[in-house]
Amino acid sequence: MSRAGWAYVPAGSGRGRLQRIASNSREARVQRAYRTYIDHCRGCAVCAVDSALCPTAEELWGTYQAAIKPS
């Protein structure tokens, strides 16, 4: 299943423009899972030292890994 979205298209020295693009739900799911993992690691005191020690980071990484596997 795909849906439309918007993406910024740079235009060299100009200001660029927004362009309507198609995206699929799998790609969006992968991006959301990775963003959730990154956002957690940025704000977590344990992840600042070693993300392998954080159970939440481990769970979020597993969710991301599951999302990128081909179905």
PDB file of N, CA and C in Angstrom:
ATOM      1  N   MET A   1       0.843  -1.162   0.000  1.00  0.00           N
ATOM      2  CA  MET A   1       0.000   0.000   0.000  1.00  0.00           C
ATOM      3  C   MET A   1       0.892   1.230   0.000  1.00  0.00           C
ATOM      4  N   SER A   2       0.569   2.194  -0.812  1.00  0.00           N
ATOM      5  CA  SER A   2       1.361   3.412  -0.848  1.00  0.00           C
ATOM      6  C   SER A   2       0.471   4.606  -0.591  1.00  0.00           C
ATOM      7  N   ARG A   3       1.109   5.659  -0.164  1.00  0.00           N
ATOM      8  CA  ARG A   3       0.380   6.893   0.065  1.00  0.00           C
ATOM      9  C   ARG A   3       1.261   8.042  -0.367  1.00  0.00           C
ATOM     10  N   ALA A   4       0.670   9.165  -0.577  1.00  0.00           N
ATOM     11  CA  ALA A   4       1.422  10.328  -1.037  1.00  0.00           C
ATOM     12  C   ALA A   4       1.971  11.089   0.149  1.00  0.00           C
ATOM     13  N   GLY A   5       3.077  11.750  -0.069  1.00  0.00           N
ATOM     14  CA  GLY A   5       3.689  12.594   0.943  1.00  0.00           C
ATOM     15  C   GLY A   5       4.372  13.763   0.263  1.00  0.00           C
ATOM     16  N   TRP A   6       5.113  14.531   1.017  1.00  0.00           N
ATOM     17  CA  TRP A   6       5.806  15.691   0.480  1.00  0.00           C
ATOM     18  C   TRP A   6       7.281  15.590   0.828  1.00  0.00           C
ATOM     19  N   ALA A   7       8.119  16.045  -0.082  1.00  0.00           N
ATOM     20  CA  ALA A   7       9.559  16.061   0.138  1.00  0.00           C
ATOM     21  C   ALA A   7      10.115  17.379  -0.376  1.00  0.00           C
ATOM     22  N   TYR A   8      11.097  17.910   0.329  1.00  0.00           N
ATOM     23  CA  TYR A   8      11.756  19.130  -0.101  1.00  0.00           C
ATOM     24  C   TYR A   8      12.757  18.794  -1.191  1.00  0.00           C
ATOM     25  N   VAL A   9      12.711  19.529  -2.289  1.00  0.00           N
ATOM     26  CA  VAL A   9      13.628  19.328  -3.407  1.00  0.00           C
ATOM     27  C   VAL A   9      14.482  20.586  -3.531  1.00  0.00           C
ATOM     28  N   PRO A  10      15.791  20.492  -3.210  1.00  0.00           N
ATOM     29  CA  PRO A  10      16.644  21.673  -3.332  1.00  0.00           C
ATOM     30  C   PRO A  10      16.805  22.085  -4.795  1.00  0.00           C
ATOM     31  N   ALA A  11      17.008  23.376  -5.021  1.00  0.00           N
ATOM     32  CA  ALA A  11      17.112  23.873  -6.393  1.00  0.00           C
ATOM     33  C   ALA A  11      18.412  24.641  -6.590  1.00  0.00           C
ATOM     34  N   GLY A  12      19.527  24.017  -6.277  1.00  0.00           N
ATOM     35  CA  GLY A  12      20.820  24.672  -6.480  1.00  0.00           C
ATOM     36  C   GLY A  12      20.934  25.923  -5.653  1.00  0.00           C
ATOM     37  N   SER A  13      21.059  27.073  -6.308  1.00  0.00           N
ATOM     38  CA  SER A  13      21.196  28.332  -5.577  1.00  0.00           C
ATOM     39  C   SER A  13      19.842  28.954  -5.238  1.00  0.00           C
ATOM     40  N   GLY A  14      18.764  28.355  -5.744  1.00  0.00           N
ATOM     41  CA  GLY A  14      17.423  28.865  -5.457  1.00  0.00           C
ATOM     42  C   GLY A  14      16.919  28.380  -4.114  1.00  0.00           C
ATOM     43  N   ARG A  15      15.666  28.665  -3.841  1.00  0.00           N
ATOM     44  CA  ARG A  15      15.110  28.304  -2.539  1.00  0.00           C
ATOM     45  C   ARG A  15      14.514  26.896  -2.492  1.00  0.00           C
ATOM     46  N   GLY A  16      14.438  26.212  -3.605  1.00  0.00           N
ATOM     47  CA  GLY A  16      13.887  24.861  -3.611  1.00  0.00           C
ATOM     48  C   GLY A  16      12.374  24.868  -3.629  1.00  0.00           C
ATOM     49  N   ARG A  17      11.792  23.672  -3.510  1.00  0.00           N
ATOM     50  CA  ARG A  17      10.335  23.563  -3.544  1.00  0.00           C
ATOM     51  C   ARG A  17       9.914  22.254  -2.896  1.00  0.00           C
ATOM     52  N   LEU A  18       8.648  22.158  -2.576  1.00  0.00           N
ATOM     53  CA  LEU A  18       8.081  20.905  -2.091  1.00  0.00           C
ATOM     54  C   LEU A  18       7.535  20.126  -3.274  1.00  0.00           C
ATOM     55  N   GLN A  19       7.770  18.835  -3.284  1.00  0.00           N
ATOM     56  CA  GLN A  19       7.282  17.984  -4.366  1.00  0.00           C
ATOM     57  C   GLN A  19       6.512  16.822  -3.755  1.00  0.00           C
ATOM     58  N   ARG A  20       5.373  16.508  -4.340  1.00  0.00           N
ATOM     59  CA  ARG A  20       4.562  15.390  -3.877  1.00  0.00           C
ATOM     60  C   ARG A  20       5.224  14.092  -4.326  1.00  0.00           C
ATOM     61  N   ILE A  21       5.388  13.152  -3.381  1.00  0.00           N
ATOM     62  CA  ILE A  21       6.017  11.875  -3.687  1.00  0.00           C
ATOM     63  C   ILE A  21       5.162  10.739  -3.143  1.00  0.00           C
ATOM     64  N   ALA A  22       5.359   9.568  -3.686  1.00  0.00           N
ATOM     65  CA  ALA A  22       4.678   8.380  -3.175  1.00  0.00           C
ATOM     66  C   ALA A  22       5.618   7.669  -2.216  1.00  0.00           C
ATOM     67  N   SER A  23       5.089   7.155  -1.141  1.00  0.00           N
ATOM     68  CA  SER A  23       5.890   6.366  -0.215  1.00  0.00           C
ATOM     69  C   SER A  23       5.073   5.146   0.176  1.00  0.00           C
ATOM     70  N   ASN A  24       5.753   4.080   0.526  1.00  0.00           N
ATOM     71  CA  ASN A  24       5.005   2.906   0.928  1.00  0.00           C
ATOM     72  C   ASN A  24       5.024   2.763   2.444  1.00  0.00           C
ATOM     73  N   SER A  25       4.131   1.995   2.966  1.00  0.00           N
ATOM     74  CA  SER A  25       3.991   1.872   4.411  1.00  0.00           C
ATOM     75  C   SER A  25       5.190   1.175   5.044  1.00  0.00           C
ATOM     76  N   ARG A  26       5.841   0.256   4.324  1.00  0.00           N
ATOM     77  CA  ARG A  26       7.019  -0.425   4.871  1.00  0.00           C
ATOM     78  C   ARG A  26       8.147   0.576   5.083  1.00  0.00           C
ATOM     79  N   GLU A  27       8.385   1.410   4.107  1.00  0.00           N
ATOM     80  CA  GLU A  27       9.444   2.421   4.225  1.00  0.00           C
ATOM     81  C   GLU A  27       9.147   3.360   5.396  1.00  0.00           C
ATOM     82  N   ALA A  28       7.921   3.786   5.525  1.00  0.00           N
ATOM     83  CA  ALA A  28       7.531   4.673   6.620  1.00  0.00           C
ATOM     84  C   ALA A  28       7.714   3.983   7.968  1.00  0.00           C
ATOM     85  N   ARG A  29       7.373   2.704   8.057  1.00  0.00           N
ATOM     86  CA  ARG A  29       7.530   1.944   9.296  1.00  0.00           C
ATOM     87  C   ARG A  29       9.001   1.849   9.690  1.00  0.00           C
ATOM     88  N   VAL A  30       9.869   1.598   8.716  1.00  0.00           N
ATOM     89  CA  VAL A  30      11.317   1.517   8.970  1.00  0.00           C
ATOM     90  C   VAL A  30      11.830   2.864   9.462  1.00  0.00           C
ATOM     91  N   GLN A  31      11.427   3.934   8.812  1.00  0.00           N
ATOM     92  CA  GLN A  31      11.878   5.268   9.214  1.00  0.00           C
ATOM     93  C   GLN A  31      11.406   5.637  10.618  1.00  0.00           C
ATOM     94  N   ARG A  32      10.154   5.301  10.942  1.00  0.00           N
ATOM     95  CA  ARG A  32       9.635   5.587  12.283  1.00  0.00           C
ATOM     96  C   ARG A  32      10.385   4.795  13.342  1.00  0.00           C
ATOM     97  N   ALA A  33      10.662   3.522  13.064  1.00  0.00           N
ATOM     98  CA  ALA A  33      11.368   2.681  14.035  1.00  0.00           C
ATOM     99  C   ALA A  33      12.776   3.219  14.285  1.00  0.00           C
ATOM    100  N   TYR A  34      13.469   3.607  13.232  1.00  0.00           N
ATOM    101  CA  TYR A  34      14.829   4.135  13.394  1.00  0.00           C
ATOM    102  C   TYR A  34      14.808   5.467  14.129  1.00  0.00           C
ATOM    103  N   ARG A  35      13.858   6.344  13.773  1.00  0.00           N
ATOM    104  CA  ARG A  35      13.761   7.653  14.430  1.00  0.00           C
ATOM    105  C   ARG A  35      13.472   7.486  15.919  1.00  0.00           C
ATOM    106  N   THR A  36      12.613   6.532  16.280  1.00  0.00           N
ATOM    107  CA  THR A  36      12.294   6.279  17.677  1.00  0.00           C
ATOM    108  C   THR A  36      13.542   5.837  18.434  1.00  0.00           C
ATOM    109  N   TYR A  37      14.330   4.955  17.826  1.00  0.00           N
ATOM    110  CA  TYR A  37      15.575   4.491  18.438  1.00  0.00           C
ATOM    111  C   TYR A  37      16.552   5.659  18.640  1.00  0.00           C
ATOM    112  N   ILE A  38      16.750   6.462  17.612  1.00  0.00           N
ATOM    113  CA  ILE A  38      17.679   7.595  17.692  1.00  0.00           C
ATOM    114  C   ILE A  38      17.216   8.611  18.735  1.00  0.00           C
ATOM    115  N   ASP A  39      15.930   8.934  18.737  1.00  0.00           N
ATOM    116  CA  ASP A  39      15.411   9.886  19.715  1.00  0.00           C
ATOM    117  C   ASP A  39      15.613   9.386  21.136  1.00  0.00           C
ATOM    118  N   HIS A  40      15.408   8.095  21.361  1.00  0.00           N
ATOM    119  CA  HIS A  40      15.627   7.540  22.691  1.00  0.00           C
ATOM    120  C   HIS A  40      17.098   7.673  23.090  1.00  0.00           C
ATOM    121  N   CYS A  41      17.985   7.279  22.209  1.00  0.00           N
ATOM    122  CA  CYS A  41      19.423   7.302  22.524  1.00  0.00           C
ATOM    123  C   CYS A  41      19.933   8.707  22.803  1.00  0.00           C
ATOM    124  N   ARG A  42      19.370   9.695  22.150  1.00  0.00           N
ATOM    125  CA  ARG A  42      19.795  11.080  22.383  1.00  0.00           C
ATOM    126  C   ARG A  42      19.465  11.559  23.782  1.00  0.00           C
ATOM    127  N   GLY A  43      18.357  11.079  24.340  1.00  0.00           N
ATOM    128  CA  GLY A  43      17.917  11.576  25.633  1.00  0.00           C
ATOM    129  C   GLY A  43      18.182  10.643  26.801  1.00  0.00           C
ATOM    130  N   CYS A  44      18.786   9.516  26.564  1.00  0.00           N
ATOM    131  CA  CYS A  44      18.972   8.505  27.605  1.00  0.00           C
ATOM    132  C   CYS A  44      20.380   8.603  28.214  1.00  0.00           C
ATOM    133  N   ALA A  45      20.444   8.687  29.527  1.00  0.00           N
ATOM    134  CA  ALA A  45      21.736   8.779  30.213  1.00  0.00           C
ATOM    135  C   ALA A  45      22.543   7.490  30.071  1.00  0.00           C
ATOM    136  N   VAL A  46      21.865   6.354  30.059  1.00  0.00           N
ATOM    137  CA  VAL A  46      22.565   5.071  29.899  1.00  0.00           C
ATOM    138  C   VAL A  46      23.136   4.959  28.492  1.00  0.00           C
ATOM    139  N   CYS A  47      22.365   5.343  27.495  1.00  0.00           N
ATOM    140  CA  CYS A  47      22.825   5.267  26.103  1.00  0.00           C
ATOM    141  C   CYS A  47      23.988   6.214  25.838  1.00  0.00           C
ATOM    142  N   ALA A  48      24.083   7.285  26.618  1.00  0.00           N
ATOM    143  CA  ALA A  48      25.191   8.218  26.451  1.00  0.00           C
ATOM    144  C   ALA A  48      26.517   7.533  26.762  1.00  0.00           C
ATOM    145  N   VAL A  49      26.474   6.511  27.629  1.00  0.00           N
ATOM    146  CA  VAL A  49      27.680   5.756  27.988  1.00  0.00           C
ATOM    147  C   VAL A  49      27.842   4.561  27.063  1.00  0.00           C
ATOM    148  N   ASP A  50      26.784   3.736  26.957  1.00  0.00           N
ATOM    149  CA  ASP A  50      26.845   2.529  26.122  1.00  0.00           C
ATOM    150  C   ASP A  50      25.422   2.040  25.872  1.00  0.00           C
ATOM    151  N   SER A  51      24.948   2.161  24.632  1.00  0.00           N
ATOM    152  CA  SER A  51      23.564   1.777  24.330  1.00  0.00           C
ATOM    153  C   SER A  51      23.329   0.276  24.471  1.00  0.00           C
ATOM    154  N   ALA A  52      24.413  -0.522  24.479  1.00  0.00           N
ATOM    155  CA  ALA A  52      24.257  -1.969  24.660  1.00  0.00           C
ATOM    156  C   ALA A  52      23.807  -2.310  26.079  1.00  0.00           C
ATOM    157  N   LEU A  53      23.954  -1.387  27.005  1.00  0.00           N
ATOM    158  CA  LEU A  53      23.552  -1.617  28.393  1.00  0.00           C
ATOM    159  C   LEU A  53      22.110  -1.214  28.672  1.00  0.00           C
ATOM    160  N   CYS A  54      21.471  -0.553  27.736  1.00  0.00           N
ATOM    161  CA  CYS A  54      20.111  -0.034  27.941  1.00  0.00           C
ATOM    162  C   CYS A  54      19.079  -1.011  27.380  1.00  0.00           C
ATOM    163  N   PRO A  55      18.209  -1.550  28.238  1.00  0.00           N
ATOM    164  CA  PRO A  55      17.203  -2.494  27.741  1.00  0.00           C
ATOM    165  C   PRO A  55      16.199  -1.855  26.781  1.00  0.00           C
ATOM    166  N   THR A  56      15.874  -0.591  26.991  1.00  0.00           N
ATOM    167  CA  THR A  56      14.942   0.088  26.085  1.00  0.00           C
ATOM    168  C   THR A  56      15.564   0.250  24.708  1.00  0.00           C
ATOM    169  N   ALA A  57      16.829   0.656  24.658  1.00  0.00           N
ATOM    170  CA  ALA A  57      17.521   0.801  23.376  1.00  0.00           C
ATOM    171  C   ALA A  57      17.613  -0.547  22.668  1.00  0.00           C
ATOM    172  N   GLU A  58      17.869  -1.594  23.417  1.00  0.00           N
ATOM    173  CA  GLU A  58      17.950  -2.931  22.825  1.00  0.00           C
ATOM    174  C   GLU A  58      16.613  -3.334  22.210  1.00  0.00           C
ATOM    175  N   GLU A  59      15.531  -3.042  22.907  1.00  0.00           N
ATOM    176  CA  GLU A  59      14.199  -3.373  22.396  1.00  0.00           C
ATOM    177  C   GLU A  59      13.871  -2.544  21.141  1.00  0.00           C
ATOM    178  N   LEU A  60      14.182  -1.249  21.185  1.00  0.00           N
ATOM    179  CA  LEU A  60      13.911  -0.388  20.035  1.00  0.00           C
ATOM    180  C   LEU A  60      14.759  -0.790  18.833  1.00  0.00           C
ATOM    181  N   TRP A  61      16.009  -1.195  19.070  1.00  0.00           N
ATOM    182  CA  TRP A  61      16.866  -1.648  17.972  1.00  0.00           C
ATOM    183  C   TRP A  61      16.298  -2.931  17.358  1.00  0.00           C
ATOM    184  N   GLY A  62      15.789  -3.822  18.200  1.00  0.00           N
ATOM    185  CA  GLY A  62      15.158  -5.051  17.708  1.00  0.00           C
ATOM    186  C   GLY A  62      13.941  -4.755  16.851  1.00  0.00           C
ATOM    187  N   THR A  63      13.166  -3.767  17.257  1.00  0.00           N
ATOM    188  CA  THR A  63      12.002  -3.359  16.472  1.00  0.00           C
ATOM    189  C   THR A  63      12.436  -2.824  15.111  1.00  0.00           C
ATOM    190  N   TYR A  64      13.496  -2.025  15.100  1.00  0.00           N
ATOM    191  CA  TYR A  64      14.029  -1.517  13.827  1.00  0.00           C
ATOM    192  C   TYR A  64      14.534  -2.649  12.949  1.00  0.00           C
ATOM    193  N   GLN A  65      15.279  -3.580  13.528  1.00  0.00           N
ATOM    194  CA  GLN A  65      15.804  -4.707  12.756  1.00  0.00           C
ATOM    195  C   GLN A  65      14.676  -5.545  12.148  1.00  0.00           C
ATOM    196  N   ALA A  66      13.603  -5.735  12.926  1.00  0.00           N
ATOM    197  CA  ALA A  66      12.450  -6.483  12.413  1.00  0.00           C
ATOM    198  C   ALA A  66      11.773  -5.736  11.262  1.00  0.00           C
ATOM    199  N   ALA A  67      11.765  -4.406  11.335  1.00  0.00           N
ATOM    200  CA  ALA A  67      11.120  -3.605  10.282  1.00  0.00           C
ATOM    201  C   ALA A  67      11.896  -3.635   8.973  1.00  0.00           C
ATOM    202  N   ILE A  68      13.225  -3.776   9.039  1.00  0.00           N
ATOM    203  CA  ILE A  68      14.010  -3.737   7.800  1.00  0.00           C
ATOM    204  C   ILE A  68      14.102  -5.100   7.111  1.00  0.00           C
ATOM    205  N   LYS A  69      13.726  -6.169   7.826  1.00  0.00           N
ATOM    206  CA  LYS A  69      13.757  -7.490   7.191  1.00  0.00           C
ATOM    207  C   LYS A  69      12.706  -7.558   6.105  1.00  0.00           C
ATOM    208  N   PRO A  70      13.074  -8.105   4.948  1.00  0.00           N
ATOM    209  CA  PRO A  70      12.086  -8.254   3.865  1.00  0.00           C
ATOM    210  C   PRO A  70      10.961  -9.208   4.284  1.00  0.00           C
ATOM    211  N   SER A  71       9.762  -8.860   3.861  1.00  0.00           N
ATOM    212  CA  SER A  71       8.627  -9.738   4.215  1.00  0.00           C
ATOM    213  C   SER A  71       8.294 -10.724   3.156  1.00  0.00           C
TER     214      SER A  71
END
